[in-house]
Amino acid sequence: MNINPQQIDQVLNSLPYPIGKDDLVQQARQHGANDQIIGMLDKLPNKTFNSADDLKSNLSGLGNLGGLKF
């Protein structure tokens, strides 16, 4: 999987918080997230994220990202 952590960081920092998972995916698409990033966001729990750091913490916890670090 070819995911650029800088691109993810840019997308996550541009989102309005708090944000739910469905709105997160929609907003990420509007901010130019590629299909790989959208696929990763789809694996997040269905909850409200209060900040980019909250979201990054949840992303880092996904086991199949190959050790993605922010």
Protein backbone atom coordinates (compact mmCIF):
# COMPACT_ATOMS: atom_id res chain seq x y z
CA MET A 1 0.00 0.00 0.00
CA ASN A 2 1.47 3.33 -1.04
CA ILE A 3 0.21 5.85 1.49
CA ASN A 4 1.98 9.14 2.01
CA PRO A 5 1.78 10.14 5.71
CA GLN A 6 2.28 13.80 4.78
CA GLN A 7 -0.75 13.71 2.49
CA ILE A 8 -2.82 12.08 5.22
CA ASP A 9 -1.64 14.70 7.71
CA GLN A 10 -2.57 17.51 5.31
CA VAL A 11 -6.06 16.08 4.76
CA LEU A 12 -6.69 15.41 8.46
CA ASN A 13 -5.59 18.89 9.50
CA SER A 14 -7.96 20.50 6.98
CA LEU A 15 -11.10 18.82 8.35
CA PRO A 16 -13.69 20.47 10.60
CA TYR A 17 -13.77 18.85 14.06
CA PRO A 18 -15.61 17.26 15.74
CA ILE A 19 -16.44 14.99 12.81
CA GLY A 20 -18.17 11.63 12.49
CA LYS A 21 -16.81 8.82 10.38
CA ASP A 22 -19.27 9.28 7.48
CA ASP A 23 -18.61 13.02 7.29
CA LEU A 24 -14.90 12.34 7.67
CA VAL A 25 -14.83 10.13 4.58
CA GLN A 26 -16.92 12.62 2.58
CA GLN A 27 -14.78 15.60 3.63
CA ALA A 28 -11.55 13.70 2.96
CA ARG A 29 -12.72 13.02 -0.59
CA GLN A 30 -13.52 16.71 -1.07
CA HIS A 31 -10.04 17.62 0.21
CA GLY A 32 -8.35 15.38 -2.35
CA ALA A 33 -7.73 12.15 -0.45
CA ASN A 34 -6.86 9.28 -2.79
CA ASP A 35 -8.59 5.89 -2.82
CA GLN A 36 -5.97 4.35 -0.52
CA ILE A 37 -6.55 6.99 2.15
CA ILE A 38 -10.33 6.64 1.81
CA GLY A 39 -9.99 2.86 2.18
CA MET A 40 -7.98 3.37 5.35
CA LEU A 41 -10.54 5.82 6.76
CA ASP A 42 -13.31 3.32 6.02
CA LYS A 43 -11.64 0.93 8.49
CA LEU A 44 -11.97 3.36 11.39
CA PRO A 45 -14.58 2.78 14.11
CA ASN A 46 -17.93 4.50 13.63
CA LYS A 47 -17.50 7.30 16.16
CA THR A 48 -16.98 11.04 16.44
CA PHE A 49 -13.40 12.27 16.23
CA ASN A 50 -12.68 15.44 18.21
CA SER A 51 -9.38 16.48 16.64
CA ALA A 52 -6.77 15.54 14.06
CA ASP A 53 -4.70 14.03 16.88
CA ASP A 54 -7.66 11.88 18.00
CA LEU A 55 -8.09 10.67 14.44
CA LYS A 56 -4.35 10.01 13.96
CA SER A 57 -4.31 8.00 17.17
CA ASN A 58 -7.10 5.78 15.84
CA LEU A 59 -5.35 5.42 12.47
CA SER A 60 -2.08 4.44 14.11
CA GLY A 61 -3.95 1.72 15.98
CA LEU A 62 -5.06 -0.01 12.79
CA GLY A 63 -2.88 -3.09 12.50
CA ASN A 64 -2.76 -3.37 8.72
CA LEU A 65 -1.12 -0.04 7.93
CA GLY A 66 2.42 -1.29 8.08
CA GLY A 67 3.45 0.82 11.04
CA LEU A 68 2.16 4.13 9.70
CA LYS A 69 3.38 6.88 12.02
CA PHE A 70 2.45 10.55 12.19
